[in-house]
Amino acid sequence: MGNWKADTREGEGVHTWPSGAMYTGSFKANKRHGKGKILWGDDHFYEGDWANGERSGTGTFQWPDGEKYVGGFKSGGRSGPGVNERPDGQRYVVSSCCCVR
């Protein structure tokens, strides 16, 4: 559902999957691009910048248990400065590089 140009998703729109996952945001050349949010069926989400269909730029990723990462993303993964926060109040500050959960 949303804007189309020459049979391609372009501009603002909503994409839903049979699993219940839903993306709301911008598309360019049929890929997630710009600002957007994807919510998976188990209540975890990513909200932020997208480029060529991947998380890229600044955003927030939250897991179902409430843990979240706020910071940089590149090529779909966490990259660069950011903060990982746990539901119990623990915080891990990443000044640069990559981290893996």
Protein backbone atom coordinates (compact mmCIF):
# COMPACT_ATOMS: atom_id res chain seq x y z
CA MET A 1 0.00 0.00 0.00
CA GLY A 2 1.48 3.37 -0.93
CA ASN A 3 3.01 5.32 -3.77
CA TRP A 4 4.10 3.66 -6.99
CA LYS A 5 6.03 4.91 -10.02
CA ALA A 6 6.39 2.80 -13.18
CA ASP A 7 5.29 -0.37 -11.33
CA THR A 8 7.87 0.23 -8.55
CA ARG A 9 7.38 1.27 -4.91
CA GLU A 10 8.50 4.90 -4.68
CA GLY A 11 7.84 7.36 -1.85
CA GLU A 12 5.82 6.62 1.28
CA GLY A 13 4.18 3.26 1.81
CA VAL A 14 3.41 0.24 3.98
CA HIS A 15 4.57 -3.33 3.32
CA THR A 16 3.11 -6.21 5.34
CA TRP A 17 4.13 -9.87 5.43
CA PRO A 18 1.95 -12.94 6.21
CA SER A 19 4.01 -13.39 9.41
CA GLY A 20 2.58 -10.12 10.75
CA ALA A 21 5.74 -8.07 10.19
CA MET A 22 5.14 -4.56 8.86
CA TYR A 23 7.35 -1.83 7.39
CA THR A 24 6.08 1.74 7.29
CA GLY A 25 8.20 4.41 5.63
CA SER A 26 9.96 5.49 2.48
CA PHE A 27 10.84 3.47 -0.60
CA LYS A 28 13.16 4.25 -3.50
CA ALA A 29 13.48 2.01 -6.56
CA ASN A 30 11.37 -0.66 -4.82
CA LYS A 31 13.65 -0.83 -1.72
CA ARG A 32 13.36 0.58 1.82
CA HIS A 33 15.21 3.89 1.61
CA GLY A 34 15.06 7.02 3.79
CA LYS A 35 13.18 6.99 7.11
CA GLY A 36 11.15 3.99 8.16
CA LYS A 37 10.15 1.48 10.83
CA ILE A 38 9.88 -2.28 10.65
CA LEU A 39 7.98 -4.13 13.37
CA TRP A 40 8.30 -7.91 13.49
CA GLY A 41 5.52 -10.12 14.86
CA ASP A 42 7.36 -10.80 18.14
CA ASP A 43 7.46 -7.12 19.12
CA HIS A 44 11.02 -6.28 18.19
CA PHE A 45 11.60 -3.40 15.81
CA TYR A 46 14.03 -1.15 13.98
CA GLU A 47 13.24 2.51 13.40
CA GLY A 48 15.58 4.87 11.61
CA ASP A 49 17.50 5.34 8.40
CA TRP A 50 17.52 2.92 5.47
CA ALA A 51 19.62 2.80 2.28
CA ASN A 52 19.08 0.37 -0.58
CA GLY A 53 16.90 -1.91 1.54
CA GLU A 54 19.29 -2.14 4.52
CA ARG A 55 19.53 -0.42 7.91
CA SER A 56 22.06 2.33 7.29
CA GLY A 57 22.62 5.59 9.15
CA THR A 58 21.16 6.26 12.59
CA GLY A 59 18.43 4.24 14.24
CA THR A 60 17.02 2.27 17.15
CA PHE A 61 16.79 -1.53 17.29
CA GLN A 62 14.77 -3.04 20.15
CA TRP A 63 14.54 -6.72 21.09
CA PRO A 64 11.38 -8.34 22.55
CA ASP A 65 12.87 -8.30 26.07
CA GLY A 66 13.19 -4.49 25.97
CA GLU A 67 16.95 -4.34 25.34
CA LYS A 68 17.76 -1.73 22.73
CA TYR A 69 20.60 -0.27 20.72
CA VAL A 70 20.53 3.36 19.65
CA GLY A 71 23.25 4.50 17.25
CA GLY A 72 24.88 3.87 13.92
CA PHE A 73 24.08 1.18 11.37
CA LYS A 74 25.82 0.21 8.14
CA SER A 75 24.98 -2.54 5.64
CA GLY A 76 22.20 -3.82 7.91
CA GLY A 77 24.26 -4.18 11.10
CA ARG A 78 25.34 -2.04 14.04
CA SER A 79 28.34 0.10 13.19
CA GLY A 80 29.96 3.16 14.67
CA PRO A 81 29.04 5.00 17.86
CA GLY A 82 25.98 3.95 19.83
CA VAL A 83 24.54 2.89 23.16
CA ASN A 84 23.24 -0.55 24.11
CA GLU A 85 20.73 -0.39 26.99
CA ARG A 86 19.39 -3.38 28.93
CA PRO A 87 16.04 -3.50 30.77
CA ASP A 88 17.91 -3.75 34.12
CA GLY A 89 19.55 -0.34 33.50
CA GLN A 90 22.97 -1.55 32.34
CA ARG A 91 24.41 0.55 29.51
CA TYR A 92 27.25 -0.16 27.12
CA VAL A 93 28.58 2.80 25.16
CA VAL A 94 30.25 2.03 21.85
CA SER A 95 32.54 4.80 20.67
CA SER A 96 33.24 3.24 17.24
CA CYS A 97 33.71 -0.10 15.43
CA CYS A 98 31.22 -2.91 15.32
CA CYS A 99 29.55 -4.95 18.02
CA VAL A 100 27.68 -8.23 17.85
CA ARG A 101 24.90 -9.33 20.17
